[in-house]
Amino acid sequence: MATTTEAVTATEEHPDAPRIRGQVEYYFSDENLPSDLHLLQCCGGRENLPVSISRICGFKKMRGFKPRKIVVEALRKSSFLVVSDDGKTVCRKLPLQGPCALDPGFYNDDEIAYDPRTRRPAVMPVPLLPQKKAEYPPGMTKNMMKPTGFEATYVEAPVTPKEAEEEQAMYDPDKPFVERIEIAIQRFEQKRRMHQHYAGVFNKWMRFGGVEDGPRMFGGLSRQDMAGMDAEEIARATAVHNVPWDRSDEKQWVVDFVGVGEAFFASFFPATYGHSPHTIKTACQVLRSFYNYLLYHSVCDEYRDELDKACKLCDKAEFELGKMEAAGLALPGTFNSAASTVFGGSKAGTYTRNQEWAIELKNEGVNLGDVGLMDQEARITFKTGIAILGTDDQQNMLDTKAVRVLKDESFGLEVLAIHPADDLTKEVYDIRNAQTKDKICLEPLGKLVCRSWHIGDFHQYDLPKDKYPNGRLPKIEEGKGYEFWVEDDVLRECFLGMKMDARILTLEGGITILDEVRETMCSFYRWLPNELWMHRHPKEVVIRKKDLPGDEDNAEEQVEVNGENKSGEGKFTDDASDFGD
């Protein structure tokens, strides 16, 4: 059976239409509107601005008229009001005349008596209310736009005397650090709006630092349950993260805020989240906010100096993580790529424009662009660089004989100095480019000064033992200086202290070529075994062996777990068939 509030056909009028028109016309009438401050803020008084019909439907006496469609249809037949074509707004046909509550002297009329308990003068000037819904970025809601606590300008709220007394008991220095930090983590989460991108970084970082996380095992707490609890008990009962007590073993675990932050930013974060500027800013702000929380609430004053350094690390990471990717894309530069092409390095044979398959793709409409350097172009680029920056012996060597590659090595490099091209070098390159402007344009070369550096993560076991003892560079080779010629545009992306995993060609005459840069790293690069903790490992492999001779039912079962004999140590495994009598 149809209800009285359902929409009807176009030829009939809804039974509630007269009531709807009468109520809305009263709102806009000369009797009500001059003193209705809220509606005046919507329509602007004598300005007669359109008012949202959705807002009017929210008034107390209009809430019973649903759906909104019948309100729009009823107002269209009003001789006093005008509804917009899209049916979203309504206004008076004739604007309001005379004084209204928006005027400063409206309540000073002595001829009109106002009850001071119900009529309070408005505070001038009265602001108008927006009639359009606020537009939010894609994927965002009103609540998501509220402050999260991770903003760069966010300041911790002042602590009340009661809260100070509670925190003094919770973060008592006599308590173990494991207990204090666990409470601080939970209370930090309660004070922040953990949106998905913030929670993702925070949870990964917690696990990286040895903190376990998982769903609460015993459900939520009602208000009655929490009524008799203090702040510490509530934090423990609602905790999602927990710090196992074995973390207090100083032989296995060390409290190192700076070291864990360096390893997280430099090693784990780029491999997991990439180099998006927004993601980098989010991660740095999450860690910075937590460090500041620990400092402000005096959670662990014995590590205050380390926390100050960790906060500065976040600023450094935010700068270097963005520069690191740009440098990795720019390096090794045109000159070193040309030398690599000439001397059979990693860029040799990568030129595709004259390849048959590339020509066929181009004819089909697939343009691969310029990949690699043509041999002639590479030789011109290399010889020009030697002629301008090289010594006389190096130039004579190129003119008289074929240059050989003496060493082809791969190891880590650390940037010690960056020297852009000087004025004389720029002038010579300008003269050279003016002569060949229709064929090739070369950029002036500066100098990138580096030293060999050992990447302290995994030792490579398959390197020659005589040259790389213990899978790494010998001590005498670490810190050895190298100088590379690199374009100015590429040098602008580099920064002091930047680490690289590179391949280096050493030519006759002492010329060093930066053949390939496989990876760029922050100046504070550090690797910790915690990174292994982040990966899931396969379950134990259980192999059961039974004595073949004799009766298998009575034979003693031999259990082998990961190659170790575990016979007689219990049969409880993941296999449900072993739970026998």
Protein backbone atom coordinates (compact mmCIF):
# COMPACT_ATOMS: atom_id res chain seq x y z
CA MET A 1 0.00 0.00 0.00
CA ALA A 2 1.43 3.41 -1.01
CA THR A 3 2.39 5.93 1.70
CA THR A 4 1.23 9.52 1.74
CA THR A 5 4.74 10.86 1.22
CA GLU A 6 5.52 9.03 -2.04
CA ALA A 7 5.84 10.96 -5.28
CA VAL A 8 2.76 10.89 -7.53
CA THR A 9 2.23 11.38 -11.20
CA ALA A 10 2.78 14.71 -12.91
CA THR A 11 -0.96 15.33 -13.39
CA GLU A 12 -1.70 15.05 -9.66
CA GLU A 13 -0.40 17.09 -6.74
CA HIS A 14 0.92 15.50 -3.61
CA PRO A 15 -1.47 15.78 -0.64
CA ASP A 16 1.23 17.51 1.42
CA ALA A 17 2.02 20.10 -1.27
CA PRO A 18 -0.17 22.89 0.20
CA ARG A 19 1.37 22.42 3.65
CA ILE A 20 4.89 22.48 2.17
CA ARG A 21 4.22 25.70 0.23
CA GLY A 22 2.59 27.36 3.21
CA GLN A 23 5.48 26.51 5.55
CA VAL A 24 8.26 27.64 3.19
CA GLU A 25 6.37 30.78 2.18
CA TYR A 26 6.05 31.63 5.85
CA TYR A 27 9.83 31.25 6.26
CA PHE A 28 10.38 33.84 3.48
CA SER A 29 7.42 36.07 4.41
CA ASP A 30 7.71 39.70 5.59
CA GLU A 31 6.38 38.52 8.95
CA ASN A 32 9.15 36.01 9.69
CA LEU A 33 12.15 36.78 7.49
CA PRO A 34 13.18 40.21 8.91
CA SER A 35 13.81 38.67 12.36
CA ASP A 36 14.91 35.14 11.29
CA LEU A 37 18.67 35.55 11.64
CA HIS A 38 19.56 32.07 10.38
CA LEU A 39 17.55 32.38 7.17
CA LEU A 40 18.85 35.92 6.71
CA GLN A 41 22.39 34.52 6.84
CA CYS A 42 21.38 32.16 4.04
CA CYS A 43 19.61 34.62 1.73
CA GLY A 44 21.55 37.77 2.59
CA GLY A 45 18.40 39.76 3.52
CA ARG A 46 17.69 42.35 0.82
CA GLU A 47 20.24 40.69 -1.49
CA ASN A 48 17.72 37.84 -2.02
CA LEU A 49 20.38 35.17 -2.58
CA PRO A 50 19.19 31.64 -3.49
CA VAL A 51 18.87 29.32 -0.49
CA SER A 52 19.59 25.59 -0.66
CA ILE A 53 16.39 23.52 -0.60
CA SER A 54 18.31 20.75 1.14
CA ARG A 55 19.05 23.14 4.00
CA ILE A 56 15.37 24.13 4.24
CA CYS A 57 14.38 20.44 4.30
CA GLY A 58 16.52 20.14 7.40
CA PHE A 59 14.40 22.62 9.36
CA LYS A 60 12.39 21.04 12.18
CA LYS A 61 8.94 21.44 10.61
CA MET A 62 10.16 20.32 7.18
CA ARG A 63 11.84 17.05 8.15
CA GLY A 64 8.63 15.04 7.77
CA PHE A 65 8.25 15.82 4.06
CA LYS A 66 10.16 13.17 2.16
CA PRO A 67 11.44 12.58 -0.41
CA ARG A 68 12.96 15.93 -1.34
CA LYS A 69 11.42 15.67 -4.80
CA ILE A 70 7.89 16.47 -3.53
CA VAL A 71 9.20 19.63 -1.83
CA VAL A 72 10.68 20.89 -5.09
CA GLU A 73 7.50 20.13 -7.06
CA ALA A 74 5.33 21.87 -4.46
CA LEU A 75 7.49 25.03 -4.40
CA ARG A 76 7.47 25.30 -8.20
CA LYS A 77 3.73 26.08 -8.02
CA SER A 78 4.24 28.88 -5.50
CA SER A 79 3.36 32.39 -6.63
CA PHE A 80 5.64 33.88 -3.96
CA LEU A 81 8.84 31.87 -4.50
CA VAL A 82 11.13 30.99 -7.43
CA VAL A 83 12.83 27.60 -7.71
CA SER A 84 16.02 27.25 -9.79
CA ASP A 85 16.01 25.12 -12.95
CA ASP A 86 18.07 22.37 -11.32
CA GLY A 87 15.73 22.29 -8.32
CA LYS A 88 18.50 22.91 -5.79
CA THR A 89 17.74 26.48 -4.59
CA VAL A 90 14.79 28.76 -3.91
CA CYS A 91 14.37 32.51 -3.37
CA ARG A 92 11.65 35.19 -3.19
CA LYS A 93 10.22 36.64 -6.39
CA LEU A 94 10.47 40.12 -4.89
CA PRO A 95 13.38 40.93 -2.59
CA LEU A 96 12.78 41.83 1.03
CA GLN A 97 12.14 45.51 1.69
CA GLY A 98 12.79 47.41 4.90
CA PRO A 99 15.06 46.74 7.89
CA CYS A 100 16.06 43.27 9.03
CA ALA A 101 18.16 41.62 11.72
CA LEU A 102 21.28 42.05 9.60
CA ASP A 103 21.10 45.83 10.09
CA PRO A 104 23.08 47.14 13.11
CA GLY A 105 20.19 49.20 14.55
CA PHE A 106 17.42 46.67 13.98
CA TYR A 107 16.94 45.81 17.68
CA ASN A 108 17.05 49.44 18.78
CA ASP A 109 13.48 50.15 17.64
CA ASP A 110 11.66 51.36 20.79
CA GLU A 111 8.23 50.76 19.25
CA ILE A 112 8.78 47.00 19.04
CA ALA A 113 9.07 45.04 22.27
CA TYR A 114 11.50 42.08 22.30
CA ASP A 115 11.83 39.57 25.08
CA PRO A 116 15.54 39.71 26.05
CA ARG A 117 15.42 36.01 26.95
CA THR A 118 14.56 35.01 23.38
CA ARG A 119 15.79 37.89 21.25
CA ARG A 120 19.50 38.51 21.49
CA PRO A 121 21.07 41.12 19.22
CA ALA A 122 23.35 39.66 16.55
CA VAL A 123 27.07 40.34 16.59
CA MET A 124 27.83 42.63 13.67
CA PRO A 125 28.79 42.08 10.96
CA VAL A 126 26.76 38.89 10.50
CA PRO A 127 28.55 36.37 8.21
CA LEU A 128 26.59 34.67 5.44
CA LEU A 129 26.30 30.87 5.38
CA PRO A 130 27.50 28.97 2.29
CA GLN A 131 24.71 27.36 0.26
CA LYS A 132 26.90 24.92 -1.68
CA LYS A 133 28.38 21.75 -0.29
CA ALA A 134 32.10 21.87 0.29
CA GLU A 135 34.05 20.08 -2.43
CA TYR A 136 36.77 17.74 -1.20
CA PRO A 137 39.64 16.14 -3.12
CA PRO A 138 38.90 12.74 -4.68
CA GLY A 139 38.81 10.00 -2.07
CA MET A 140 38.49 12.45 0.84
CA THR A 141 35.59 13.04 3.20
CA LYS A 142 34.70 15.78 5.67
CA ASN A 143 36.19 13.88 8.61
CA MET A 144 39.34 13.07 6.65
CA MET A 145 39.90 16.80 6.08
CA LYS A 146 39.99 17.49 9.81
CA PRO A 147 43.41 17.99 11.46
CA THR A 148 45.19 14.68 11.95
CA GLY A 149 47.99 15.69 14.30
CA PHE A 150 50.61 15.02 11.62
CA GLU A 151 50.60 18.52 10.16
CA ALA A 152 53.91 20.38 10.14
CA THR A 153 52.32 23.19 12.19
CA TYR A 154 50.67 20.89 14.74
CA VAL A 155 51.45 21.68 18.38
CA GLU A 156 50.78 19.32 21.27
CA ALA A 157 47.93 20.49 23.51
CA PRO A 158 48.91 21.73 27.00
CA VAL A 159 48.87 19.04 29.65
CA THR A 160 46.40 19.54 32.50
CA PRO A 161 47.53 18.92 36.10
CA LYS A 162 45.52 15.70 36.19
CA GLU A 163 47.06 14.45 32.93
CA ALA A 164 50.53 15.43 34.17
CA GLU A 165 50.01 13.36 37.30
CA GLU A 166 48.83 10.37 35.24
CA GLU A 167 51.77 10.62 32.82
CA GLN A 168 54.23 10.94 35.67
CA ALA A 169 52.97 7.59 36.98
CA MET A 170 52.84 5.95 33.53
CA TYR A 171 56.29 7.09 32.43
CA ASP A 172 58.05 6.68 35.75
CA PRO A 173 61.80 6.28 35.02
CA ASP A 174 61.88 3.32 37.41
CA LYS A 175 59.63 1.37 35.04
CA PRO A 176 61.30 -0.72 32.32
CA PHE A 177 61.69 1.04 28.98
CA VAL A 178 59.70 -1.70 27.23
CA GLU A 179 56.68 -0.97 29.42
CA ARG A 180 56.89 2.80 28.99
CA ILE A 181 57.29 2.77 25.21
CA GLU A 182 54.36 0.37 24.77
CA ILE A 183 52.03 2.72 26.65
CA ALA A 184 53.37 5.72 24.72
CA ILE A 185 52.71 4.03 21.37
CA GLN A 186 49.08 3.36 22.23
CA ARG A 187 48.43 6.84 23.63
CA PHE A 188 50.10 8.38 20.57
CA GLU A 189 47.68 6.50 18.31
CA GLN A 190 44.74 7.71 20.40
CA LYS A 191 45.84 11.35 19.90
CA ARG A 192 46.19 11.09 16.11
CA ARG A 193 43.82 10.51 13.23
CA MET A 194 45.42 7.44 11.71
CA HIS A 195 44.35 7.63 8.07
CA GLN A 196 45.36 4.74 5.87
CA HIS A 197 48.56 6.31 4.51
CA TYR A 198 49.68 7.36 7.99
CA ALA A 199 48.78 4.02 9.59
CA GLY A 200 50.58 2.09 6.85
CA VAL A 201 53.88 3.88 7.42
CA PHE A 202 53.50 3.83 11.22
CA ASN A 203 52.77 0.09 11.39
CA LYS A 204 55.67 -0.77 9.07
CA TRP A 205 58.02 1.38 11.11
CA MET A 206 56.85 -0.17 14.39
CA ARG A 207 57.46 -3.66 13.07
CA PHE A 208 60.82 -2.60 11.67
CA GLY A 209 61.76 -1.44 15.17
CA GLY A 210 60.79 -4.76 16.78
CA VAL A 211 57.25 -3.85 17.91
CA GLU A 212 54.58 -6.46 17.23
CA ASP A 213 51.11 -5.49 16.05
CA GLY A 214 47.86 -7.36 15.62
CA PRO A 215 44.13 -7.26 16.37
CA ARG A 216 42.93 -7.10 19.97
CA MET A 217 42.25 -10.59 21.22
CA PHE A 218 39.43 -9.84 23.67
CA GLY A 219 37.24 -7.42 21.74
CA GLY A 220 36.40 -3.84 22.62
CA LEU A 221 35.59 -2.20 25.90
CA SER A 222 32.31 -0.59 26.86
CA ARG A 223 32.07 2.73 28.65
CA GLN A 224 31.09 0.88 31.80
CA ASP A 225 34.27 -1.22 31.58
CA MET A 226 36.47 1.86 31.14
CA ALA A 227 34.72 3.87 33.86
CA GLY A 228 36.66 2.15 36.61
CA MET A 229 40.03 2.20 34.79
CA ASP A 230 42.80 4.76 34.92
CA ALA A 231 44.59 6.08 31.83
CA GLU A 232 47.30 3.41 31.93
CA GLU A 233 44.82 0.54 32.20
CA ILE A 234 42.77 1.91 29.30
CA ALA A 235 45.91 2.22 27.17
CA ARG A 236 46.88 -1.38 27.89
CA ALA A 237 43.37 -2.72 27.30
CA THR A 238 42.98 -0.95 23.95
CA ALA A 239 46.54 -1.55 22.73
CA VAL A 240 47.07 -2.85 19.21
CA HIS A 241 50.89 -2.76 19.34
CA ASN A 242 52.87 -4.62 21.95
CA VAL A 243 56.55 -4.87 22.75
CA PRO A 244 57.56 -8.44 23.69
CA TRP A 245 59.55 -8.69 26.89
CA ASP A 246 62.46 -10.37 25.14
CA ARG A 247 63.22 -6.98 23.56
CA SER A 248 64.69 -5.96 26.91
CA ASP A 249 67.55 -8.43 26.38
CA GLU A 250 70.47 -6.08 25.70
CA LYS A 251 72.49 -8.90 24.14
CA GLN A 252 69.95 -9.24 21.34
CA TRP A 253 68.25 -5.82 21.12
CA VAL A 254 69.50 -2.25 21.49
CA VAL A 255 67.45 0.94 21.91
CA ASP A 256 68.68 3.13 19.04
CA PHE A 257 66.21 5.72 17.76
CA VAL A 258 68.69 7.26 15.31
CA GLY A 259 70.02 3.96 13.93
CA VAL A 260 66.57 2.47 13.35
CA GLY A 261 65.40 5.70 11.71
CA GLU A 262 68.42 5.76 9.39
CA ALA A 263 67.96 2.15 8.33
CA PHE A 264 64.21 2.60 7.83
CA PHE A 265 64.55 5.72 5.68
CA ALA A 266 67.66 4.75 3.72
CA SER A 267 67.17 1.03 3.07
CA PHE A 268 63.64 -0.24 3.74
CA PHE A 269 61.49 2.77 2.83
CA PRO A 270 62.72 3.40 -0.77
CA ALA A 271 62.41 -0.28 -1.65
CA THR A 272 58.88 -0.50 -0.22
CA TYR A 273 57.25 2.86 -0.94
CA GLY A 274 59.31 4.33 -3.77
CA HIS A 275 60.21 8.01 -4.13
CA SER A 276 56.87 9.82 -4.42
CA PRO A 277 57.23 13.32 -2.85
CA HIS A 278 53.89 12.98 -1.04
CA THR A 279 54.84 9.57 0.40
CA ILE A 280 58.25 10.82 1.52
CA LYS A 281 56.69 13.83 3.25
CA THR A 282 54.10 11.60 4.95
CA ALA A 283 56.69 9.14 6.26
CA CYS A 284 58.99 11.86 7.59
CA GLN A 285 56.11 13.61 9.31
CA VAL A 286 54.89 10.38 10.97
CA LEU A 287 58.30 9.66 12.49
CA ARG A 288 58.87 13.30 13.42
CA SER A 289 55.48 13.49 15.14
CA PHE A 290 56.19 10.39 17.22
CA TYR A 291 59.64 11.61 18.25
CA ASN A 292 58.15 14.96 19.31
CA TYR A 293 55.45 13.16 21.29
CA LEU A 294 58.07 11.20 23.23
CA LEU A 295 59.97 14.41 23.96
CA TYR A 296 56.95 16.47 24.96
CA HIS A 297 55.53 13.85 27.33
CA SER A 298 58.94 12.86 28.79
CA VAL A 299 58.43 9.18 28.00
CA CYS A 300 62.13 8.32 28.05
CA ASP A 301 64.26 11.24 29.18
CA GLU A 302 67.37 9.05 29.24
CA TYR A 303 67.22 9.07 25.38
CA ARG A 304 66.37 12.77 24.95
CA ASP A 305 69.62 13.55 23.08
CA GLU A 306 69.01 10.67 20.67
CA LEU A 307 65.44 11.81 20.06
CA ASP A 308 66.67 15.32 19.20
CA LYS A 309 69.05 13.80 16.64
CA ALA A 310 66.24 11.60 15.28
CA CYS A 311 64.07 14.70 14.70
CA LYS A 312 66.88 16.32 12.70
CA LEU A 313 67.25 13.05 10.76
CA CYS A 314 63.64 13.40 9.55
CA ASP A 315 64.43 16.83 8.06
CA LYS A 316 67.53 15.43 6.37
CA ALA A 317 65.67 12.40 5.01
CA GLU A 318 62.90 14.55 3.54
CA PHE A 319 65.49 16.48 1.52
CA GLU A 320 67.75 13.61 0.47
CA LEU A 321 65.13 10.99 -0.45
CA GLY A 322 63.74 13.27 -3.15
CA LYS A 323 67.16 14.29 -4.45
CA MET A 324 68.32 10.68 -4.39
CA GLU A 325 65.87 9.54 -7.07
CA ALA A 326 66.57 12.56 -9.30
CA ALA A 327 70.31 11.90 -9.09
CA GLY A 328 69.81 8.21 -9.88
CA LEU A 329 67.85 9.08 -13.03
CA ALA A 330 70.40 11.68 -14.18
CA LEU A 331 73.60 9.74 -13.54
CA PRO A 332 76.02 8.81 -15.07
CA GLY A 333 75.50 11.60 -17.63
CA THR A 334 76.11 11.92 -21.36
CA PHE A 335 79.93 12.00 -21.21
CA ASN A 336 80.23 8.82 -19.14
CA SER A 337 77.55 7.09 -21.24
CA ALA A 338 79.56 8.00 -24.34
CA ALA A 339 82.75 6.57 -22.82
CA SER A 340 80.85 3.42 -21.82
CA THR A 341 79.65 3.05 -25.42
CA VAL A 342 83.15 3.49 -26.85
CA PHE A 343 84.93 1.10 -24.46
CA GLY A 344 82.38 -1.71 -24.36
CA GLY A 345 80.73 -0.86 -21.07
CA SER A 346 77.11 -1.26 -20.01
CA LYS A 347 75.90 1.29 -22.62
CA ALA A 348 77.62 -0.39 -25.59
CA GLY A 349 75.21 -1.65 -28.27
CA THR A 350 72.17 0.07 -26.76
CA TYR A 351 71.58 2.47 -29.69
CA THR A 352 68.28 1.47 -31.27
CA ARG A 353 67.50 4.04 -33.97
CA ASN A 354 69.27 2.09 -36.74
CA GLN A 355 68.00 -1.33 -35.64
CA GLU A 356 65.61 -3.09 -38.02
CA TRP A 357 63.09 -3.98 -35.32
CA ALA A 358 63.05 -0.36 -34.10
CA ILE A 359 62.50 0.92 -37.65
CA GLU A 360 59.60 -1.52 -38.12
CA LEU A 361 58.00 -0.36 -34.86
CA LYS A 362 58.41 3.27 -35.90
CA ASN A 363 56.68 2.56 -39.20
CA GLU A 364 53.84 1.01 -37.23
CA GLY A 365 53.50 4.20 -35.17
CA VAL A 366 55.48 3.15 -32.08
CA ASN A 367 58.19 5.73 -31.36
CA LEU A 368 60.79 4.46 -28.87
CA GLY A 369 62.63 7.77 -28.76
CA ASP A 370 66.40 8.08 -28.49
CA VAL A 371 67.85 5.10 -26.62
CA GLY A 372 71.62 4.92 -26.29
CA LEU A 373 74.25 6.85 -28.26
CA MET A 374 75.41 6.37 -31.83
CA ASP A 375 79.05 5.30 -31.97
CA GLN A 376 80.16 8.40 -33.90
CA GLU A 377 78.32 10.71 -31.52
CA ALA A 378 79.79 8.88 -28.52
CA ARG A 379 83.37 9.24 -29.86
CA ILE A 380 82.89 12.97 -30.49
CA THR A 381 81.48 13.51 -26.99
CA PHE A 382 84.30 11.56 -25.33
CA LYS A 383 87.18 13.12 -27.30
CA THR A 384 85.78 16.63 -26.80
CA GLY A 385 85.72 16.11 -23.02
CA ILE A 386 89.32 14.82 -23.02
CA ALA A 387 90.46 17.71 -25.20
CA ILE A 388 88.96 20.30 -22.84
CA LEU A 389 89.55 18.77 -19.39
CA GLY A 390 92.28 16.19 -20.01
CA THR A 391 96.03 16.57 -19.68
CA ASP A 392 98.44 16.80 -22.63
CA ASP A 393 99.51 13.18 -22.09
CA GLN A 394 95.93 11.97 -22.18
CA GLN A 395 95.24 13.87 -25.40
CA ASN A 396 98.39 12.55 -27.05
CA MET A 397 97.50 9.03 -25.97
CA LEU A 398 94.12 9.24 -27.73
CA ASP A 399 95.78 10.50 -30.92
CA THR A 400 98.57 7.92 -31.10
CA LYS A 401 97.14 4.58 -29.92
CA ALA A 402 94.05 2.68 -28.91
CA VAL A 403 93.22 3.18 -25.25
CA ARG A 404 92.66 0.02 -23.21
CA VAL A 405 90.49 -0.60 -20.17
CA LEU A 406 92.76 -1.49 -17.25
CA LYS A 407 90.11 -2.18 -14.61
CA ASP A 408 86.42 -2.96 -14.65
CA GLU A 409 85.12 -2.91 -11.04
CA SER A 410 81.86 -2.61 -9.17
CA PHE A 411 81.66 -1.24 -5.65
CA GLY A 412 80.14 1.54 -3.60
CA LEU A 413 81.03 5.23 -3.89
CA GLU A 414 80.53 8.18 -1.56
CA VAL A 415 80.40 11.75 -2.91
CA LEU A 416 83.01 13.96 -1.23
CA ALA A 417 82.89 17.11 -3.36
CA ILE A 418 80.96 18.60 -6.28
CA HIS A 419 82.76 21.09 -8.56
CA PRO A 420 80.62 22.67 -11.32
CA ALA A 421 82.27 23.68 -14.58
CA ASP A 422 84.37 26.83 -14.34
CA ASP A 423 83.96 29.85 -16.64
CA LEU A 424 86.81 28.82 -18.95
CA THR A 425 85.33 25.36 -19.51
CA LYS A 426 81.90 26.85 -20.25
CA GLU A 427 83.44 29.30 -22.73
CA VAL A 428 85.28 26.55 -24.61
CA TYR A 429 82.13 24.41 -24.80
CA ASP A 430 80.15 27.40 -26.10
CA ILE A 431 82.68 27.89 -28.90
CA ARG A 432 82.56 24.17 -29.72
CA ASN A 433 78.76 24.11 -29.78
CA ALA A 434 78.64 27.16 -32.03
CA GLN A 435 80.71 25.23 -34.60
CA THR A 436 78.53 22.09 -34.46
CA LYS A 437 75.13 23.54 -33.46
CA ASP A 438 73.35 21.81 -36.34
CA LYS A 439 74.73 18.36 -35.43
CA ILE A 440 75.47 18.00 -31.74
CA CYS A 441 75.26 20.17 -28.62
CA LEU A 442 77.43 19.26 -25.63
CA GLU A 443 77.07 20.41 -22.04
CA PRO A 444 80.06 21.66 -20.02
CA LEU A 445 81.61 19.15 -17.64
CA GLY A 446 82.22 19.59 -13.93
CA LYS A 447 83.88 17.20 -11.49
CA LEU A 448 82.35 14.69 -9.09
CA VAL A 449 84.89 13.69 -6.42
CA CYS A 450 84.17 10.37 -4.69
CA ARG A 451 85.82 7.71 -2.62
CA SER A 452 85.28 3.98 -2.51
CA TRP A 453 82.84 2.86 0.13
CA HIS A 454 81.65 -0.51 1.35
CA ILE A 455 77.91 -1.12 1.33
CA GLY A 456 77.40 -2.65 4.75
CA ASP A 457 74.55 -5.03 4.08
CA PHE A 458 75.16 -8.55 2.76
CA HIS A 459 78.68 -9.71 1.89
CA GLN A 460 78.96 -11.14 -1.61
CA TYR A 461 80.20 -14.69 -1.30
CA ASP A 462 81.07 -15.27 -4.99
CA LEU A 463 83.79 -12.61 -5.42
CA PRO A 464 87.42 -13.63 -6.02
CA LYS A 465 88.94 -14.41 -2.63
CA ASP A 466 92.36 -12.99 -3.51
CA LYS A 467 90.92 -9.62 -4.48
CA TYR A 468 87.85 -9.42 -2.21
CA PRO A 469 88.58 -11.23 1.05
CA ASN A 470 85.48 -11.90 3.16
CA GLY A 471 83.26 -10.85 0.25
CA ARG A 472 84.11 -7.13 0.39
CA LEU A 473 86.77 -4.59 -0.57
CA PRO A 474 90.01 -4.97 1.36
CA LYS A 475 90.71 -2.32 3.97
CA ILE A 476 93.45 -0.74 1.86
CA GLU A 477 91.00 -0.19 -1.04
CA GLU A 478 88.30 1.48 1.06
CA GLY A 479 88.46 5.26 0.97
CA LYS A 480 90.38 5.37 -2.32
CA GLY A 481 89.71 8.61 -4.23
CA TYR A 482 88.09 8.83 -7.67
CA GLU A 483 87.30 11.82 -9.89
CA PHE A 484 84.63 11.69 -12.59
CA TRP A 485 83.71 14.23 -15.24
CA VAL A 486 79.98 14.86 -15.20
CA GLU A 487 77.67 17.43 -16.82
CA ASP A 488 76.56 20.44 -14.73
CA ASP A 489 72.87 19.54 -15.06
CA VAL A 490 73.58 16.15 -13.51
CA LEU A 491 75.77 17.60 -10.74
CA ARG A 492 72.88 19.82 -9.62
CA GLU A 493 70.92 16.71 -8.65
CA CYS A 494 73.77 15.28 -6.55
CA PHE A 495 74.51 16.16 -2.93
CA LEU A 496 77.42 15.74 -0.56
CA GLY A 497 77.60 12.40 1.18
CA MET A 498 75.40 10.64 -1.40
CA LYS A 499 76.17 6.93 -1.73
CA MET A 500 76.14 4.97 -5.00
CA ASP A 501 76.41 1.38 -6.10
CA ALA A 502 78.37 1.85 -9.30
CA ARG A 503 80.49 0.24 -11.99
CA ILE A 504 83.79 2.00 -12.70
CA LEU A 505 86.07 1.67 -15.74
CA THR A 506 89.70 2.72 -15.32
CA LEU A 507 91.41 3.57 -18.64
CA GLU A 508 95.03 4.04 -19.52
CA GLY A 509 96.34 7.45 -18.55
CA GLY A 510 94.39 7.53 -15.28
CA ILE A 511 90.98 8.32 -16.82
CA THR A 512 88.10 6.99 -14.70
CA ILE A 513 84.67 6.45 -16.18
CA LEU A 514 81.43 6.18 -14.21
CA ASP A 515 80.05 3.42 -16.40
CA GLU A 516 76.80 2.68 -14.56
CA VAL A 517 74.99 3.72 -11.38
CA ARG A 518 72.77 0.85 -10.24
CA GLU A 519 71.43 2.54 -7.13
CA THR A 520 71.73 5.83 -5.27
CA MET A 521 71.44 6.04 -1.49
CA CYS A 522 71.19 8.66 1.25
CA SER A 523 74.27 10.03 2.98
CA PHE A 524 73.19 8.27 6.19
CA TYR A 525 72.68 4.88 4.51
CA ARG A 526 72.57 2.05 6.97
CA TRP A 527 71.37 -1.53 6.85
CA LEU A 528 70.10 -3.44 9.89
CA PRO A 529 69.12 -7.09 10.29
CA ASN A 530 65.68 -5.74 11.27
CA GLU A 531 64.93 -5.67 7.56
CA LEU A 532 64.95 -9.47 7.49
CA TRP A 533 62.28 -9.32 10.18
CA MET A 534 59.89 -7.62 7.74
CA HIS A 535 59.66 -10.54 5.36
CA ARG A 536 57.54 -13.59 5.91
CA HIS A 537 59.31 -16.90 6.14
CA PRO A 538 58.02 -20.33 5.09
CA LYS A 539 56.69 -22.67 7.71
CA GLU A 540 58.79 -25.49 9.06
CA VAL A 541 59.01 -28.50 6.77
CA VAL A 542 58.05 -31.65 8.68
CA ILE A 543 59.14 -35.01 7.23
CA ARG A 544 58.01 -38.21 8.97
CA LYS A 545 59.90 -41.43 8.40
CA LYS A 546 58.73 -44.89 9.47
CA ASP A 547 60.70 -48.11 9.66
CA LEU A 548 59.90 -50.08 6.53
CA PRO A 549 60.77 -53.61 7.84
CA GLY A 550 58.06 -55.09 10.02
CA ASP A 551 54.67 -53.72 10.87
CA GLU A 552 54.30 -50.04 10.00
CA ASP A 553 51.54 -49.60 12.58
CA ASN A 554 53.89 -50.52 15.41
CA ALA A 555 57.00 -48.91 13.96
CA GLU A 556 58.48 -45.99 15.80
CA GLU A 557 57.86 -42.76 13.94
CA GLN A 558 60.89 -40.53 13.21
CA VAL A 559 60.18 -36.82 12.79
CA GLU A 560 62.60 -34.52 11.00
CA VAL A 561 62.03 -30.74 11.20
CA ASN A 562 64.21 -28.59 8.94
CA GLY A 563 66.85 -31.32 8.87
CA GLU A 564 66.91 -31.95 12.63
CA ASN A 565 65.67 -35.11 14.29
CA LYS A 566 62.75 -34.23 16.58
CA SER A 567 61.57 -37.74 17.43
CA GLY A 568 59.98 -38.10 20.83
CA GLU A 569 59.47 -34.34 21.27
CA GLY A 570 55.74 -34.39 20.72
CA LYS A 571 53.53 -34.90 17.72
CA PHE A 572 51.55 -31.69 17.81
CA THR A 573 51.87 -29.99 14.43
CA ASP A 574 49.60 -28.19 12.05
CA ASP A 575 48.34 -31.55 10.76
CA ALA A 576 45.01 -32.27 12.46
CA SER A 577 45.44 -36.03 11.95
CA ASP A 578 48.16 -36.13 14.62
CA PHE A 579 45.81 -35.17 17.42
CA GLY A 580 44.96 -38.78 18.18
CA ASP A 581 44.32 -40.55 21.43
